[in-house]
């Protein structure tokens, strides 16, 4: 994993881009997640996991609402972790499954809600726009 600094307003993920990276809010950040980045209680939350799973273009734009540090994992490293560290790989996949399930349930409840609302209830750390 690499550490990436993101100043407030920086676009982390661009909708429709073809990129294979996961971004995890670093514990060293006073950050937040999914809609607006940062808040300390959301360190470890992630965005971009779908790119590691389905190899498709990005479904939303994610922008740092405030300055933060992100841990970045690309698809190659993700596959290496799964192969070499099966317990950690299982935990990552479980976290992805839970997050995707949560988003699906939220979308089913509010199908017309903007994707920026993804952070509701969690205080949001990254701004998401579009679907």
C-alpha atoms as a PDB file:
ATOM      1  CA  UNK A   1       0.000   0.000   0.000  1.00  0.00           C
ATOM      2  CA  UNK A   2       1.036   3.558  -0.623  1.00  0.00           C
ATOM      3  CA  UNK A   3       0.216   6.656   1.387  1.00  0.00           C
ATOM      4  CA  UNK A   4      -1.385   9.527  -0.542  1.00  0.00           C
ATOM      5  CA  UNK A   5      -2.008  13.005   0.805  1.00  0.00           C
ATOM      6  CA  UNK A   6      -5.207  14.669  -0.444  1.00  0.00           C
ATOM      7  CA  UNK A   7      -5.797  18.371   0.172  1.00  0.00           C
ATOM      8  CA  UNK A   8      -9.366  19.604   0.612  1.00  0.00           C
ATOM      9  CA  UNK A   9     -11.193  19.696  -2.709  1.00  0.00           C
ATOM     10  CA  UNK A  10      -8.984  17.151  -4.458  1.00  0.00           C
ATOM     11  CA  UNK A  11     -10.820  14.645  -6.636  1.00  0.00           C
ATOM     12  CA  UNK A  12      -9.865  11.162  -5.421  1.00  0.00           C
ATOM     13  CA  UNK A  13     -11.992   9.147  -7.854  1.00  0.00           C
ATOM     14  CA  UNK A  14     -13.559  10.361 -11.101  1.00  0.00           C
ATOM     15  CA  UNK A  15     -16.859   8.874 -12.287  1.00  0.00           C
ATOM     16  CA  UNK A  16     -16.473   6.682 -15.408  1.00  0.00           C
ATOM     17  CA  UNK A  17     -12.663   6.531 -15.071  1.00  0.00           C
ATOM     18  CA  UNK A  18     -11.030   3.138 -15.570  1.00  0.00           C
ATOM     19  CA  UNK A  19      -8.825   2.739 -12.518  1.00  0.00           C
ATOM     20  CA  UNK A  20      -8.140  -0.175 -10.194  1.00  0.00           C
ATOM     21  CA  UNK A  21      -7.417   1.400  -6.807  1.00  0.00           C
ATOM     22  CA  UNK A  22      -8.970   1.210  -3.368  1.00  0.00           C
ATOM     23  CA  UNK A  23      -8.597   4.172  -0.981  1.00  0.00           C
ATOM     24  CA  UNK A  24      -8.616   3.701   2.796  1.00  0.00           C
ATOM     25  CA  UNK A  25      -8.800   6.674   5.146  1.00  0.00           C
ATOM     26  CA  UNK A  26      -5.575   6.617   7.099  1.00  0.00           C
ATOM     27  CA  UNK A  27      -5.803   6.448  10.885  1.00  0.00           C
ATOM     28  CA  UNK A  28      -3.385   9.400  10.879  1.00  0.00           C
ATOM     29  CA  UNK A  29      -6.141  11.589   9.417  1.00  0.00           C
ATOM     30  CA  UNK A  30      -8.862  13.483  11.217  1.00  0.00           C
ATOM     31  CA  UNK A  31     -11.094  12.196   8.463  1.00  0.00           C
ATOM     32  CA  UNK A  32     -14.506  11.016   7.511  1.00  0.00           C
ATOM     33  CA  UNK A  33     -15.770   8.872   4.661  1.00  0.00           C
ATOM     34  CA  UNK A  34     -18.067   8.575   1.664  1.00  0.00           C
ATOM     35  CA  UNK A  35     -19.273  11.951   0.814  1.00  0.00           C
ATOM     36  CA  UNK A  36     -16.670  13.962   2.682  1.00  0.00           C
ATOM     37  CA  UNK A  37     -13.196  13.023   3.808  1.00  0.00           C
ATOM     38  CA  UNK A  38     -12.114  13.223   7.159  1.00  0.00           C
ATOM     39  CA  UNK A  39     -13.056  12.334  10.747  1.00  0.00           C
ATOM     40  CA  UNK A  40     -11.031  10.318  13.232  1.00  0.00           C
ATOM     41  CA  UNK A  41     -13.844   7.847  13.975  1.00  0.00           C
ATOM     42  CA  UNK A  42     -13.956   6.861  10.300  1.00  0.00           C
ATOM     43  CA  UNK A  43     -10.296   5.981   9.888  1.00  0.00           C
ATOM     44  CA  UNK A  44     -10.117   2.646   8.119  1.00  0.00           C
ATOM     45  CA  UNK A  45     -13.266   3.260   6.053  1.00  0.00           C
ATOM     46  CA  UNK A  46     -12.788   2.810   2.333  1.00  0.00           C
ATOM     47  CA  UNK A  47     -13.934   3.897  -1.122  1.00  0.00           C
ATOM     48  CA  UNK A  48     -13.191   2.443  -4.536  1.00  0.00           C
ATOM     49  CA  UNK A  49     -13.461  -1.231  -3.590  1.00  0.00           C
ATOM     50  CA  UNK A  50     -15.725  -1.990  -6.550  1.00  0.00           C
ATOM     51  CA  UNK A  51     -12.808  -1.332  -8.924  1.00  0.00           C
ATOM     52  CA  UNK A  52     -10.879  -4.180  -7.301  1.00  0.00           C
ATOM     53  CA  UNK A  53     -13.836  -6.530  -7.611  1.00  0.00           C
ATOM     54  CA  UNK A  54     -15.547  -5.948 -10.952  1.00  0.00           C
ATOM     55  CA  UNK A  55     -12.924  -4.288 -13.194  1.00  0.00           C
ATOM     56  CA  UNK A  56     -15.424  -1.700 -14.488  1.00  0.00           C
ATOM     57  CA  UNK A  57     -15.357   2.080 -14.684  1.00  0.00           C
ATOM     58  CA  UNK A  58     -15.926   4.155 -11.552  1.00  0.00           C
ATOM     59  CA  UNK A  59     -19.556   4.621 -10.525  1.00  0.00           C
ATOM     60  CA  UNK A  60     -19.107   7.975  -8.750  1.00  0.00           C
ATOM     61  CA  UNK A  61     -16.797  10.910  -8.239  1.00  0.00           C
ATOM     62  CA  UNK A  62     -15.221  11.130  -4.783  1.00  0.00           C
ATOM     63  CA  UNK A  63     -13.745  14.400  -3.541  1.00  0.00           C
ATOM     64  CA  UNK A  64     -11.868  15.131  -0.320  1.00  0.00           C
ATOM     65  CA  UNK A  65     -13.996  17.536   1.720  1.00  0.00           C
ATOM     66  CA  UNK A  66     -11.048  18.314   3.937  1.00  0.00           C
ATOM     67  CA  UNK A  67      -7.347  17.501   4.030  1.00  0.00           C
ATOM     68  CA  UNK A  68      -6.660  13.803   4.610  1.00  0.00           C
ATOM     69  CA  UNK A  69      -4.218  10.945   4.159  1.00  0.00           C
ATOM     70  CA  UNK A  70      -5.258   7.860   2.230  1.00  0.00           C
ATOM     71  CA  UNK A  71      -3.778   4.401   1.984  1.00  0.00           C
ATOM     72  CA  UNK A  72      -3.946   3.274  -1.653  1.00  0.00           C
ATOM     73  CA  UNK A  73      -4.109  -0.360  -2.782  1.00  0.00           C
ATOM     74  CA  UNK A  74      -4.156  -1.354  -6.448  1.00  0.00           C
ATOM     75  CA  UNK A  75      -5.651  -4.547  -7.893  1.00  0.00           C
ATOM     76  CA  UNK A  76      -2.280  -6.342  -8.154  1.00  0.00           C
ATOM     77  CA  UNK A  77      -1.500  -5.735  -4.477  1.00  0.00           C
ATOM     78  CA  UNK A  78      -5.051  -6.717  -3.494  1.00  0.00           C
ATOM     79  CA  UNK A  79      -4.705 -10.083  -5.276  1.00  0.00           C
ATOM     80  CA  UNK A  80      -1.292 -10.576  -3.684  1.00  0.00           C
ATOM     81  CA  UNK A  81      -2.751  -9.966  -0.198  1.00  0.00           C
ATOM     82  CA  UNK A  82      -5.548 -12.470  -0.841  1.00  0.00           C
ATOM     83  CA  UNK A  83      -3.030 -15.076  -2.036  1.00  0.00           C
ATOM     84  CA  UNK A  84      -0.342 -14.536   0.629  1.00  0.00           C
ATOM     85  CA  UNK A  85      -2.489 -13.480   3.603  1.00  0.00           C
ATOM     86  CA  UNK A  86      -5.781 -15.418   3.363  1.00  0.00           C
ATOM     87  CA  UNK A  87      -7.036 -14.275   6.779  1.00  0.00           C
ATOM     88  CA  UNK A  88      -6.471 -10.595   5.936  1.00  0.00           C
ATOM     89  CA  UNK A  89      -7.866 -11.166   2.424  1.00  0.00           C
ATOM     90  CA  UNK A  90     -11.018 -12.687   3.907  1.00  0.00           C
ATOM     91  CA  UNK A  91     -11.416  -9.706   6.257  1.00  0.00           C
ATOM     92  CA  UNK A  92     -11.042  -7.288   3.333  1.00  0.00           C
ATOM     93  CA  UNK A  93     -13.593  -9.154   1.228  1.00  0.00           C
ATOM     94  CA  UNK A  94     -15.983  -9.291   4.187  1.00  0.00           C
ATOM     95  CA  UNK A  95     -15.634  -5.517   4.706  1.00  0.00           C
ATOM     96  CA  UNK A  96     -16.292  -4.916   0.992  1.00  0.00           C
ATOM     97  CA  UNK A  97     -19.350  -7.170   1.077  1.00  0.00           C
ATOM     98  CA  UNK A  98     -20.780  -5.380   4.098  1.00  0.00           C
ATOM     99  CA  UNK A  99     -20.224  -1.945   2.545  1.00  0.00           C
ATOM    100  CA  UNK A 100     -21.742  -2.929  -0.799  1.00  0.00           C
ATOM    101  CA  UNK A 101     -24.723  -4.519   0.955  1.00  0.00           C
ATOM    102  CA  UNK A 102     -25.237  -1.318   2.981  1.00  0.00           C
ATOM    103  CA  UNK A 103     -25.172   0.812  -0.190  1.00  0.00           C
ATOM    104  CA  UNK A 104     -27.585  -1.505  -1.990  1.00  0.00           C
ATOM    105  CA  UNK A 105     -30.048  -1.361   0.894  1.00  0.00           C
ATOM    106  CA  UNK A 106     -29.784   2.447   1.039  1.00  0.00           C
ATOM    107  CA  UNK A 107     -30.384   2.705  -2.706  1.00  0.00           C
ATOM    108  CA  UNK A 108     -33.434   0.462  -2.443  1.00  0.00           C
ATOM    109  CA  UNK A 109     -34.896   2.692   0.295  1.00  0.00           C
ATOM    110  CA  UNK A 110     -34.155   5.959  -1.510  1.00  0.00           C
ATOM    111  CA  UNK A 111     -33.727   5.232  -5.233  1.00  0.00           C
ATOM    112  CA  UNK A 112     -33.799   8.924  -6.201  1.00  0.00           C
ATOM    113  CA  UNK A 113     -31.357  10.139  -3.539  1.00  0.00           C
ATOM    114  CA  UNK A 114     -28.134  11.649  -4.797  1.00  0.00           C
ATOM    115  CA  UNK A 115     -24.974   9.616  -4.375  1.00  0.00           C
ATOM    116  CA  UNK A 116     -23.586  12.450  -2.274  1.00  0.00           C
ATOM    117  CA  UNK A 117     -25.833  11.167   0.506  1.00  0.00           C
ATOM    118  CA  UNK A 118     -23.755   8.003   0.698  1.00  0.00           C
ATOM    119  CA  UNK A 119     -22.128   9.315   3.875  1.00  0.00           C
ATOM    120  CA  UNK A 120     -25.397   9.899   5.741  1.00  0.00           C
ATOM    121  CA  UNK A 121     -25.334   8.381   9.172  1.00  0.00           C
ATOM    122  CA  UNK A 122     -21.575   8.106   9.106  1.00  0.00           C
ATOM    123  CA  UNK A 123     -20.816  11.799   8.827  1.00  0.00           C
ATOM    124  CA  UNK A 124     -19.243  11.158   5.423  1.00  0.00           C
ATOM    125  CA  UNK A 125     -15.573  11.635   4.692  1.00  0.00           C
ATOM    126  CA  UNK A 126     -15.395  11.652   0.961  1.00  0.00           C
ATOM    127  CA  UNK A 127     -17.793  13.507  -1.281  1.00  0.00           C
ATOM    128  CA  UNK A 128     -19.465  11.254  -3.822  1.00  0.00           C
ATOM    129  CA  UNK A 129     -21.325  12.716  -6.751  1.00  0.00           C
ATOM    130  CA  UNK A 130     -23.231  10.924  -9.479  1.00  0.00           C
ATOM    131  CA  UNK A 131     -24.171   7.252  -9.585  1.00  0.00           C
END
